[in-house]
ModelCIF file with pLDDT and N, C-alpha, C, O atoms, coordinates in Angstrom:
data_MODEL
#
_entry.id   MODEL 
#
_entity.id                         1 
_entity.type                       polymer 
_entity.pdbx_number_of_molecules   1 
#
_entity_poly.entity_id                      1 
_entity_poly.type                           'polypeptide(L)' 
_entity_poly.nstd_linkage                   no 
_entity_poly.nstd_monomer                   no 
_entity_poly.pdbx_seq_one_letter_code       SGLSGSSGAVMVAWLAERFPQRIFIVIAATPAEAERWLADLTILTD 
_entity_poly.pdbx_seq_one_letter_code_can   SGLSGSSGAVMVAWLAERFPQRIFIVIAATPAEAERWLADLTILTD 
_entity_poly.pdbx_strand_id                 A 
#
loop_
_entity_poly_seq.entity_id 
_entity_poly_seq.num 
_entity_poly_seq.mon_id 
_entity_poly_seq.hetero 
1 1  SER n 
1 2  GLY n 
1 3  LEU n 
1 4  SER n 
1 5  GLY n 
1 6  SER n 
1 7  SER n 
1 8  GLY n 
1 9  ALA n 
1 10 VAL n 
1 11 MET n 
1 12 VAL n 
1 13 ALA n 
1 14 TRP n 
1 15 LEU n 
1 16 ALA n 
1 17 GLU n 
1 18 ARG n 
1 19 PHE n 
1 20 PRO n 
1 21 GLN n 
1 22 ARG n 
1 23 ILE n 
1 24 PHE n 
1 25 ILE n 
1 26 VAL n 
1 27 ILE n 
1 28 ALA n 
1 29 ALA n 
1 30 THR n 
1 31 PRO n 
1 32 ALA n 
1 33 GLU n 
1 34 ALA n 
1 35 GLU n 
1 36 ARG n 
1 37 TRP n 
1 38 LEU n 
1 39 ALA n 
1 40 ASP n 
1 41 LEU n 
1 42 THR n 
1 43 ILE n 
1 44 LEU n 
1 45 THR n 
1 46 ASP n 
#
_struct_asym.id          A 
_struct_asym.entity_id   1 
#
loop_
_ma_qa_metric.id 
_ma_qa_metric.mode 
_ma_qa_metric.name 
_ma_qa_metric.software_group_id 
_ma_qa_metric.type 
1 global pLDDT . pLDDT 
2 local  pLDDT . pLDDT 
#
_ma_qa_metric_global.metric_id      1 
_ma_qa_metric_global.metric_value   92.72 
_ma_qa_metric_global.model_id       1 
_ma_qa_metric_global.ordinal_id     1 
#
loop_
_ma_qa_metric_local.label_asym_id 
_ma_qa_metric_local.label_comp_id 
_ma_qa_metric_local.label_seq_id 
_ma_qa_metric_local.metric_id 
_ma_qa_metric_local.metric_value 
_ma_qa_metric_local.model_id 
_ma_qa_metric_local.ordinal_id 
A SER 1  2 76.00 1 1  
A GLY 2  2 77.00 1 2  
A LEU 3  2 82.00 1 3  
A SER 4  2 86.00 1 4  
A GLY 5  2 88.00 1 5  
A SER 6  2 91.00 1 6  
A SER 7  2 92.00 1 7  
A GLY 8  2 93.00 1 8  
A ALA 9  2 96.00 1 9  
A VAL 10 2 95.00 1 10 
A MET 11 2 95.00 1 11 
A VAL 12 2 95.00 1 12 
A ALA 13 2 96.00 1 13 
A TRP 14 2 96.00 1 14 
A LEU 15 2 94.00 1 15 
A ALA 16 2 95.00 1 16 
A GLU 17 2 94.00 1 17 
A ARG 18 2 93.00 1 18 
A PHE 19 2 92.00 1 19 
A PRO 20 2 91.00 1 20 
A GLN 21 2 90.00 1 21 
A ARG 22 2 90.00 1 22 
A ILE 23 2 91.00 1 23 
A PHE 24 2 93.00 1 24 
A ILE 25 2 91.00 1 25 
A VAL 26 2 93.00 1 26 
A ILE 27 2 92.00 1 27 
A ALA 28 2 93.00 1 28 
A ALA 29 2 92.00 1 29 
A THR 30 2 94.00 1 30 
A PRO 31 2 94.00 1 31 
A ALA 32 2 95.00 1 32 
A GLU 33 2 95.00 1 33 
A ALA 34 2 96.00 1 34 
A GLU 35 2 96.00 1 35 
A ARG 36 2 96.00 1 36 
A TRP 37 2 96.00 1 37 
A LEU 38 2 97.00 1 38 
A ALA 39 2 97.00 1 39 
A ASP 40 2 97.00 1 40 
A LEU 41 2 97.00 1 41 
A THR 42 2 95.00 1 42 
A ILE 43 2 94.00 1 43 
A LEU 44 2 95.00 1 44 
A THR 45 2 95.00 1 45 
A ASP 46 2 94.00 1 46 
#
loop_
_atom_site.group_PDB 
_atom_site.id 
_atom_site.type_symbol 
_atom_site.label_atom_id 
_atom_site.label_alt_id 
_atom_site.label_comp_id 
_atom_site.label_asym_id 
_atom_site.label_entity_id 
_atom_site.label_seq_id 
_atom_site.pdbx_PDB_ins_code 
_atom_site.Cartn_x 
_atom_site.Cartn_y 
_atom_site.Cartn_z 
_atom_site.occupancy 
_atom_site.B_iso_or_equiv 
_atom_site.pdbx_formal_charge 
_atom_site.auth_seq_id 
_atom_site.auth_comp_id 
_atom_site.auth_asym_id 
_atom_site.auth_atom_id 
_atom_site.pdbx_PDB_model_num 
ATOM 1   N N  . SER A 1 1  ? -22.575 -54.513 16.834 1.00 76.00 ? 1  SER A N  1 
ATOM 2   C CA . SER A 1 1  ? -23.170 -55.350 16.390 1.00 76.00 ? 1  SER A CA 1 
ATOM 3   C C  . SER A 1 1  ? -22.483 -55.552 15.221 1.00 76.00 ? 1  SER A C  1 
ATOM 4   O O  . SER A 1 1  ? -21.536 -54.840 14.888 1.00 76.00 ? 1  SER A O  1 
ATOM 5   N N  . GLY A 1 2  ? -23.017 -56.744 14.387 1.00 77.00 ? 2  GLY A N  1 
ATOM 6   C CA . GLY A 1 2  ? -22.104 -56.932 13.346 1.00 77.00 ? 2  GLY A CA 1 
ATOM 7   C C  . GLY A 1 2  ? -20.883 -57.711 13.696 1.00 77.00 ? 2  GLY A C  1 
ATOM 8   O O  . GLY A 1 2  ? -20.196 -58.129 12.764 1.00 77.00 ? 2  GLY A O  1 
ATOM 9   N N  . LEU A 1 3  ? -20.589 -57.915 14.711 1.00 82.00 ? 3  LEU A N  1 
ATOM 10  C CA . LEU A 1 3  ? -18.880 -59.075 14.819 1.00 82.00 ? 3  LEU A CA 1 
ATOM 11  C C  . LEU A 1 3  ? -19.328 -60.510 14.593 1.00 82.00 ? 3  LEU A C  1 
ATOM 12  O O  . LEU A 1 3  ? -20.243 -60.964 15.279 1.00 82.00 ? 3  LEU A O  1 
ATOM 13  N N  . SER A 1 4  ? -18.810 -61.140 13.796 1.00 86.00 ? 4  SER A N  1 
ATOM 14  C CA . SER A 1 4  ? -18.780 -62.479 13.372 1.00 86.00 ? 4  SER A CA 1 
ATOM 15  C C  . SER A 1 4  ? -18.193 -63.781 13.973 1.00 86.00 ? 4  SER A C  1 
ATOM 16  O O  . SER A 1 4  ? -16.973 -63.843 14.124 1.00 86.00 ? 4  SER A O  1 
ATOM 17  N N  . GLY A 1 5  ? -19.048 -64.918 14.359 1.00 88.00 ? 5  GLY A N  1 
ATOM 18  C CA . GLY A 1 5  ? -18.359 -65.934 15.407 1.00 88.00 ? 5  GLY A CA 1 
ATOM 19  C C  . GLY A 1 5  ? -17.974 -65.598 16.391 1.00 88.00 ? 5  GLY A C  1 
ATOM 20  O O  . GLY A 1 5  ? -18.656 -64.713 16.907 1.00 88.00 ? 5  GLY A O  1 
ATOM 21  N N  . SER A 1 6  ? -16.877 -66.016 17.096 1.00 91.00 ? 6  SER A N  1 
ATOM 22  C CA . SER A 1 6  ? -16.561 -65.312 18.085 1.00 91.00 ? 6  SER A CA 1 
ATOM 23  C C  . SER A 1 6  ? -16.328 -64.147 18.845 1.00 91.00 ? 6  SER A C  1 
ATOM 24  O O  . SER A 1 6  ? -16.552 -63.897 20.030 1.00 91.00 ? 6  SER A O  1 
ATOM 25  N N  . SER A 1 7  ? -15.750 -63.373 17.774 1.00 92.00 ? 7  SER A N  1 
ATOM 26  C CA . SER A 1 7  ? -14.713 -62.314 17.721 1.00 92.00 ? 7  SER A CA 1 
ATOM 27  C C  . SER A 1 7  ? -15.627 -61.198 18.722 1.00 92.00 ? 7  SER A C  1 
ATOM 28  O O  . SER A 1 7  ? -15.013 -60.190 19.072 1.00 92.00 ? 7  SER A O  1 
ATOM 29  N N  . GLY A 1 8  ? -16.283 -61.267 18.934 1.00 93.00 ? 8  GLY A N  1 
ATOM 30  C CA . GLY A 1 8  ? -17.704 -59.949 20.217 1.00 93.00 ? 8  GLY A CA 1 
ATOM 31  C C  . GLY A 1 8  ? -17.136 -60.641 21.447 1.00 93.00 ? 8  GLY A C  1 
ATOM 32  O O  . GLY A 1 8  ? -16.646 -59.950 22.340 1.00 93.00 ? 8  GLY A O  1 
ATOM 33  N N  . ALA A 1 9  ? -17.178 -62.113 21.554 1.00 96.00 ? 9  ALA A N  1 
ATOM 34  C CA . ALA A 1 9  ? -16.139 -62.866 22.683 1.00 96.00 ? 9  ALA A CA 1 
ATOM 35  C C  . ALA A 1 9  ? -14.939 -62.047 23.108 1.00 96.00 ? 9  ALA A C  1 
ATOM 36  O O  . ALA A 1 9  ? -14.926 -61.612 24.260 1.00 96.00 ? 9  ALA A O  1 
ATOM 37  N N  . VAL A 1 10 ? -14.074 -61.831 22.409 1.00 95.00 ? 10 VAL A N  1 
ATOM 38  C CA . VAL A 1 10 ? -12.977 -61.727 22.128 1.00 95.00 ? 10 VAL A CA 1 
ATOM 39  C C  . VAL A 1 10 ? -12.550 -60.565 22.432 1.00 95.00 ? 10 VAL A C  1 
ATOM 40  O O  . VAL A 1 10 ? -11.394 -60.292 22.757 1.00 95.00 ? 10 VAL A O  1 
ATOM 41  N N  . MET A 1 11 ? -13.712 -59.622 22.316 1.00 95.00 ? 11 MET A N  1 
ATOM 42  C CA . MET A 1 11 ? -13.778 -58.006 22.442 1.00 95.00 ? 11 MET A CA 1 
ATOM 43  C C  . MET A 1 11 ? -14.165 -57.822 23.556 1.00 95.00 ? 11 MET A C  1 
ATOM 44  O O  . MET A 1 11 ? -13.541 -56.978 24.199 1.00 95.00 ? 11 MET A O  1 
ATOM 45  N N  . VAL A 1 12 ? -15.204 -58.446 24.157 1.00 95.00 ? 12 VAL A N  1 
ATOM 46  C CA . VAL A 1 12 ? -15.673 -58.461 25.454 1.00 95.00 ? 12 VAL A CA 1 
ATOM 47  C C  . VAL A 1 12 ? -15.087 -58.823 26.417 1.00 95.00 ? 12 VAL A C  1 
ATOM 48  O O  . VAL A 1 12 ? -15.409 -58.207 27.432 1.00 95.00 ? 12 VAL A O  1 
ATOM 49  N N  . ALA A 1 13 ? -13.796 -60.137 26.636 1.00 96.00 ? 13 ALA A N  1 
ATOM 50  C CA . ALA A 1 13 ? -13.005 -60.700 26.994 1.00 96.00 ? 13 ALA A CA 1 
ATOM 51  C C  . ALA A 1 13 ? -11.382 -59.585 27.281 1.00 96.00 ? 13 ALA A C  1 
ATOM 52  O O  . ALA A 1 13 ? -10.588 -59.558 28.221 1.00 96.00 ? 13 ALA A O  1 
ATOM 53  N N  . TRP A 1 14 ? -11.427 -59.082 26.453 1.00 96.00 ? 14 TRP A N  1 
ATOM 54  C CA . TRP A 1 14 ? -10.355 -58.189 26.306 1.00 96.00 ? 14 TRP A CA 1 
ATOM 55  C C  . TRP A 1 14 ? -10.217 -56.901 26.668 1.00 96.00 ? 14 TRP A C  1 
ATOM 56  O O  . TRP A 1 14 ? -9.108  -56.385 26.810 1.00 96.00 ? 14 TRP A O  1 
ATOM 57  N N  . LEU A 1 15 ? -11.559 -56.146 26.885 1.00 94.00 ? 15 LEU A N  1 
ATOM 58  C CA . LEU A 1 15 ? -12.085 -55.121 27.399 1.00 94.00 ? 15 LEU A CA 1 
ATOM 59  C C  . LEU A 1 15 ? -12.436 -55.295 29.262 1.00 94.00 ? 15 LEU A C  1 
ATOM 60  O O  . LEU A 1 15 ? -12.408 -54.390 30.096 1.00 94.00 ? 15 LEU A O  1 
ATOM 61  N N  . ALA A 1 16 ? -12.728 -56.656 29.464 1.00 95.00 ? 16 ALA A N  1 
ATOM 62  C CA . ALA A 1 16 ? -12.861 -56.808 30.806 1.00 95.00 ? 16 ALA A CA 1 
ATOM 63  C C  . ALA A 1 16 ? -11.358 -56.710 31.292 1.00 95.00 ? 16 ALA A C  1 
ATOM 64  O O  . ALA A 1 16 ? -10.980 -55.940 32.175 1.00 95.00 ? 16 ALA A O  1 
ATOM 65  N N  . GLU A 1 17 ? -10.687 -57.445 30.715 1.00 94.00 ? 17 GLU A N  1 
ATOM 66  C CA . GLU A 1 17 ? -9.013  -57.513 30.994 1.00 94.00 ? 17 GLU A CA 1 
ATOM 67  C C  . GLU A 1 17 ? -8.518  -56.037 30.979 1.00 94.00 ? 17 GLU A C  1 
ATOM 68  O O  . GLU A 1 17 ? -7.757  -55.804 31.918 1.00 94.00 ? 17 GLU A O  1 
ATOM 69  N N  . ARG A 1 18 ? -8.659  -55.407 30.488 1.00 93.00 ? 18 ARG A N  1 
ATOM 70  C CA . ARG A 1 18 ? -8.310  -54.024 30.244 1.00 93.00 ? 18 ARG A CA 1 
ATOM 71  C C  . ARG A 1 18 ? -8.695  -52.929 31.390 1.00 93.00 ? 18 ARG A C  1 
ATOM 72  O O  . ARG A 1 18 ? -7.978  -52.173 32.045 1.00 93.00 ? 18 ARG A O  1 
ATOM 73  N N  . PHE A 1 19 ? -10.395 -53.180 31.374 1.00 92.00 ? 19 PHE A N  1 
ATOM 74  C CA . PHE A 1 19 ? -10.775 -52.214 32.458 1.00 92.00 ? 19 PHE A CA 1 
ATOM 75  C C  . PHE A 1 19 ? -11.425 -52.824 33.815 1.00 92.00 ? 19 PHE A C  1 
ATOM 76  O O  . PHE A 1 19 ? -12.571 -52.472 34.094 1.00 92.00 ? 19 PHE A O  1 
ATOM 77  N N  . PRO A 1 20 ? -10.781 -53.666 34.616 1.00 91.00 ? 20 PRO A N  1 
ATOM 78  C CA . PRO A 1 20 ? -11.208 -54.012 35.819 1.00 91.00 ? 20 PRO A CA 1 
ATOM 79  C C  . PRO A 1 20 ? -12.156 -54.077 36.418 1.00 91.00 ? 20 PRO A C  1 
ATOM 80  O O  . PRO A 1 20 ? -12.824 -55.033 36.811 1.00 91.00 ? 20 PRO A O  1 
ATOM 81  N N  . GLN A 1 21 ? -12.330 -52.169 36.592 1.00 90.00 ? 21 GLN A N  1 
ATOM 82  C CA . GLN A 1 21 ? -13.049 -51.909 37.433 1.00 90.00 ? 21 GLN A CA 1 
ATOM 83  C C  . GLN A 1 21 ? -14.950 -51.628 36.556 1.00 90.00 ? 21 GLN A C  1 
ATOM 84  O O  . GLN A 1 21 ? -15.921 -51.166 37.155 1.00 90.00 ? 21 GLN A O  1 
ATOM 85  N N  . ARG A 1 22 ? -14.934 -51.953 35.505 1.00 90.00 ? 22 ARG A N  1 
ATOM 86  C CA . ARG A 1 22 ? -16.129 -51.900 35.169 1.00 90.00 ? 22 ARG A CA 1 
ATOM 87  C C  . ARG A 1 22 ? -16.665 -53.336 34.864 1.00 90.00 ? 22 ARG A C  1 
ATOM 88  O O  . ARG A 1 22 ? -15.972 -54.314 35.145 1.00 90.00 ? 22 ARG A O  1 
ATOM 89  N N  . ILE A 1 23 ? -17.932 -53.467 34.273 1.00 91.00 ? 23 ILE A N  1 
ATOM 90  C CA . ILE A 1 23 ? -19.255 -54.822 34.739 1.00 91.00 ? 23 ILE A CA 1 
ATOM 91  C C  . ILE A 1 23 ? -19.638 -54.458 32.653 1.00 91.00 ? 23 ILE A C  1 
ATOM 92  O O  . ILE A 1 23 ? -20.082 -53.535 31.969 1.00 91.00 ? 23 ILE A O  1 
ATOM 93  N N  . PHE A 1 24 ? -19.254 -55.470 32.504 1.00 93.00 ? 24 PHE A N  1 
ATOM 94  C CA . PHE A 1 24 ? -19.561 -56.011 30.883 1.00 93.00 ? 24 PHE A CA 1 
ATOM 95  C C  . PHE A 1 24 ? -20.880 -56.904 30.925 1.00 93.00 ? 24 PHE A C  1 
ATOM 96  O O  . PHE A 1 24 ? -20.965 -57.872 31.681 1.00 93.00 ? 24 PHE A O  1 
ATOM 97  N N  . ILE A 1 25 ? -22.023 -56.469 29.960 1.00 91.00 ? 25 ILE A N  1 
ATOM 98  C CA . ILE A 1 25 ? -23.436 -56.971 29.753 1.00 91.00 ? 25 ILE A CA 1 
ATOM 99  C C  . ILE A 1 25 ? -23.565 -57.283 28.304 1.00 91.00 ? 25 ILE A C  1 
ATOM 100 O O  . ILE A 1 25 ? -23.888 -56.515 27.397 1.00 91.00 ? 25 ILE A O  1 
ATOM 101 N N  . VAL A 1 26 ? -23.253 -58.555 28.244 1.00 93.00 ? 26 VAL A N  1 
ATOM 102 C CA . VAL A 1 26 ? -23.654 -59.329 26.512 1.00 93.00 ? 26 VAL A CA 1 
ATOM 103 C C  . VAL A 1 26 ? -25.531 -59.415 26.587 1.00 93.00 ? 26 VAL A C  1 
ATOM 104 O O  . VAL A 1 26 ? -25.949 -60.265 27.373 1.00 93.00 ? 26 VAL A O  1 
ATOM 105 N N  . ILE A 1 27 ? -26.265 -58.852 26.064 1.00 92.00 ? 27 ILE A N  1 
ATOM 106 C CA . ILE A 1 27 ? -27.411 -59.369 25.526 1.00 92.00 ? 27 ILE A CA 1 
ATOM 107 C C  . ILE A 1 27 ? -27.848 -60.182 24.252 1.00 92.00 ? 27 ILE A C  1 
ATOM 108 O O  . ILE A 1 27 ? -27.877 -59.746 23.101 1.00 92.00 ? 27 ILE A O  1 
ATOM 109 N N  . ALA A 1 28 ? -28.194 -61.484 24.688 1.00 93.00 ? 28 ALA A N  1 
ATOM 110 C CA . ALA A 1 28 ? -28.620 -62.182 23.596 1.00 93.00 ? 28 ALA A CA 1 
ATOM 111 C C  . ALA A 1 28 ? -29.488 -61.853 23.009 1.00 93.00 ? 28 ALA A C  1 
ATOM 112 O O  . ALA A 1 28 ? -30.149 -61.030 23.642 1.00 93.00 ? 28 ALA A O  1 
ATOM 113 N N  . ALA A 1 29 ? -30.005 -62.145 21.742 1.00 92.00 ? 29 ALA A N  1 
ATOM 114 C CA . ALA A 1 29 ? -31.209 -62.414 21.093 1.00 92.00 ? 29 ALA A CA 1 
ATOM 115 C C  . ALA A 1 29 ? -32.017 -64.233 21.779 1.00 92.00 ? 29 ALA A C  1 
ATOM 116 O O  . ALA A 1 29 ? -33.059 -64.569 22.342 1.00 92.00 ? 29 ALA A O  1 
ATOM 117 N N  . THR A 1 30 ? -31.189 -64.689 21.447 1.00 94.00 ? 30 THR A N  1 
ATOM 118 C CA . THR A 1 30 ? -31.832 -66.375 22.178 1.00 94.00 ? 30 THR A CA 1 
ATOM 119 C C  . THR A 1 30 ? -31.041 -66.827 22.807 1.00 94.00 ? 30 THR A C  1 
ATOM 120 O O  . THR A 1 30 ? -29.834 -66.683 22.612 1.00 94.00 ? 30 THR A O  1 
ATOM 121 N N  . PRO A 1 31 ? -31.699 -67.656 23.954 1.00 94.00 ? 31 PRO A N  1 
ATOM 122 C CA . PRO A 1 31 ? -31.163 -68.551 25.367 1.00 94.00 ? 31 PRO A CA 1 
ATOM 123 C C  . PRO A 1 31 ? -29.746 -68.893 24.290 1.00 94.00 ? 31 PRO A C  1 
ATOM 124 O O  . PRO A 1 31 ? -28.586 -68.575 24.553 1.00 94.00 ? 31 PRO A O  1 
ATOM 125 N N  . ALA A 1 32 ? -30.144 -69.510 23.231 1.00 95.00 ? 32 ALA A N  1 
ATOM 126 C CA . ALA A 1 32 ? -28.761 -70.483 22.906 1.00 95.00 ? 32 ALA A CA 1 
ATOM 127 C C  . ALA A 1 32 ? -27.904 -69.743 22.199 1.00 95.00 ? 32 ALA A C  1 
ATOM 128 O O  . ALA A 1 32 ? -27.072 -70.247 21.446 1.00 95.00 ? 32 ALA A O  1 
ATOM 129 N N  . GLU A 1 33 ? -28.031 -68.567 22.373 1.00 95.00 ? 33 GLU A N  1 
ATOM 130 C CA . GLU A 1 33 ? -26.521 -67.685 21.510 1.00 95.00 ? 33 GLU A CA 1 
ATOM 131 C C  . GLU A 1 33 ? -26.170 -67.067 23.180 1.00 95.00 ? 33 GLU A C  1 
ATOM 132 O O  . GLU A 1 33 ? -25.031 -66.607 23.101 1.00 95.00 ? 33 GLU A O  1 
ATOM 133 N N  . ALA A 1 34 ? -26.582 -66.922 24.320 1.00 96.00 ? 34 ALA A N  1 
ATOM 134 C CA . ALA A 1 34 ? -26.439 -66.529 24.789 1.00 96.00 ? 34 ALA A CA 1 
ATOM 135 C C  . ALA A 1 34 ? -25.741 -67.576 25.882 1.00 96.00 ? 34 ALA A C  1 
ATOM 136 O O  . ALA A 1 34 ? -25.123 -67.175 26.868 1.00 96.00 ? 34 ALA A O  1 
ATOM 137 N N  . GLU A 1 35 ? -25.951 -69.079 25.529 1.00 96.00 ? 35 GLU A N  1 
ATOM 138 C CA . GLU A 1 35 ? -24.972 -70.167 26.069 1.00 96.00 ? 35 GLU A CA 1 
ATOM 139 C C  . GLU A 1 35 ? -23.392 -70.237 25.211 1.00 96.00 ? 35 GLU A C  1 
ATOM 140 O O  . GLU A 1 35 ? -22.321 -70.574 25.715 1.00 96.00 ? 35 GLU A O  1 
ATOM 141 N N  . ARG A 1 36 ? -23.692 -69.721 23.484 1.00 96.00 ? 36 ARG A N  1 
ATOM 142 C CA . ARG A 1 36 ? -22.724 -69.789 23.307 1.00 96.00 ? 36 ARG A CA 1 
ATOM 143 C C  . ARG A 1 36 ? -21.982 -68.391 23.605 1.00 96.00 ? 36 ARG A C  1 
ATOM 144 O O  . ARG A 1 36 ? -20.760 -68.512 23.688 1.00 96.00 ? 36 ARG A O  1 
ATOM 145 N N  . TRP A 1 37 ? -22.402 -67.303 23.752 1.00 96.00 ? 37 TRP A N  1 
ATOM 146 C CA . TRP A 1 37 ? -21.175 -66.334 24.340 1.00 96.00 ? 37 TRP A CA 1 
ATOM 147 C C  . TRP A 1 37 ? -20.799 -67.216 25.958 1.00 96.00 ? 37 TRP A C  1 
ATOM 148 O O  . TRP A 1 37 ? -19.659 -66.980 26.359 1.00 96.00 ? 37 TRP A O  1 
ATOM 149 N N  . LEU A 1 38 ? -21.353 -67.840 26.550 1.00 97.00 ? 38 LEU A N  1 
ATOM 150 C CA . LEU A 1 38 ? -20.825 -67.797 27.948 1.00 97.00 ? 38 LEU A CA 1 
ATOM 151 C C  . LEU A 1 38 ? -19.687 -69.207 27.945 1.00 97.00 ? 38 LEU A C  1 
ATOM 152 O O  . LEU A 1 38 ? -18.758 -69.634 28.630 1.00 97.00 ? 38 LEU A O  1 
ATOM 153 N N  . ALA A 1 39 ? -20.305 -69.506 26.938 1.00 97.00 ? 39 ALA A N  1 
ATOM 154 C CA . ALA A 1 39 ? -18.745 -70.999 26.845 1.00 97.00 ? 39 ALA A CA 1 
ATOM 155 C C  . ALA A 1 39 ? -17.622 -70.120 26.210 1.00 97.00 ? 39 ALA A C  1 
ATOM 156 O O  . ALA A 1 39 ? -16.530 -69.906 26.736 1.00 97.00 ? 39 ALA A O  1 
ATOM 157 N N  . ASP A 1 40 ? -17.970 -69.727 25.218 1.00 97.00 ? 40 ASP A N  1 
ATOM 158 C CA . ASP A 1 40 ? -17.015 -68.789 24.142 1.00 97.00 ? 40 ASP A CA 1 
ATOM 159 C C  . ASP A 1 40 ? -16.123 -67.992 25.048 1.00 97.00 ? 40 ASP A C  1 
ATOM 160 O O  . ASP A 1 40 ? -14.922 -68.262 25.037 1.00 97.00 ? 40 ASP A O  1 
ATOM 161 N N  . LEU A 1 41 ? -16.696 -66.780 26.046 1.00 97.00 ? 41 LEU A N  1 
ATOM 162 C CA . LEU A 1 41 ? -16.472 -66.062 27.296 1.00 97.00 ? 41 LEU A CA 1 
ATOM 163 C C  . LEU A 1 41 ? -15.472 -67.566 28.403 1.00 97.00 ? 41 LEU A C  1 
ATOM 164 O O  . LEU A 1 41 ? -14.363 -68.005 28.099 1.00 97.00 ? 41 LEU A O  1 
ATOM 165 N N  . THR A 1 42 ? -15.835 -67.762 28.924 1.00 95.00 ? 42 THR A N  1 
ATOM 166 C CA . THR A 1 42 ? -15.436 -69.371 29.890 1.00 95.00 ? 42 THR A CA 1 
ATOM 167 C C  . THR A 1 42 ? -14.023 -69.419 29.485 1.00 95.00 ? 42 THR A C  1 
ATOM 168 O O  . THR A 1 42 ? -13.103 -69.348 30.300 1.00 95.00 ? 42 THR A O  1 
ATOM 169 N N  . ILE A 1 43 ? -13.832 -69.566 27.959 1.00 94.00 ? 43 ILE A N  1 
ATOM 170 C CA . ILE A 1 43 ? -12.448 -70.329 27.452 1.00 94.00 ? 43 ILE A CA 1 
ATOM 171 C C  . ILE A 1 43 ? -11.670 -69.062 27.657 1.00 94.00 ? 43 ILE A C  1 
ATOM 172 O O  . ILE A 1 43 ? -10.912 -69.104 28.626 1.00 94.00 ? 43 ILE A O  1 
ATOM 173 N N  . LEU A 1 44 ? -11.684 -67.830 26.900 1.00 95.00 ? 44 LEU A N  1 
ATOM 174 C CA . LEU A 1 44 ? -11.312 -66.707 26.597 1.00 95.00 ? 44 LEU A CA 1 
ATOM 175 C C  . LEU A 1 44 ? -10.751 -65.445 27.856 1.00 95.00 ? 44 LEU A C  1 
ATOM 176 O O  . LEU A 1 44 ? -9.881  -64.590 27.693 1.00 95.00 ? 44 LEU A O  1 
ATOM 177 N N  . THR A 1 45 ? -11.605 -65.713 29.113 1.00 95.00 ? 45 THR A N  1 
ATOM 178 C CA . THR A 1 45 ? -10.918 -65.069 30.095 1.00 95.00 ? 45 THR A CA 1 
ATOM 179 C C  . THR A 1 45 ? -11.570 -66.008 31.653 1.00 95.00 ? 45 THR A C  1 
ATOM 180 O O  . THR A 1 45 ? -12.397 -66.888 31.891 1.00 95.00 ? 45 THR A O  1 
ATOM 181 N N  . ASP A 1 46 ? -10.685 -65.234 32.339 1.00 94.00 ? 46 ASP A N  1 
ATOM 182 C CA . ASP A 1 46 ? -10.565 -66.054 33.582 1.00 94.00 ? 46 ASP A CA 1 
ATOM 183 C C  . ASP A 1 46 ? -11.598 -64.901 34.699 1.00 94.00 ? 46 ASP A C  1 
ATOM 184 O O  . ASP A 1 46 ? -11.781 -65.188 35.882 1.00 94.00 ? 46 ASP A O  1 
#
């Protein structure tokens, strides 16, 4: 925790690229925050 802005999404996208055998789960506090994570990740990773 404690990562500001989209830095958390950058971290998850990088980890997903680096470790293709793993599944990553992001648990957001609110639906709006979850939608923001999804939007960021959609831009950052394929």
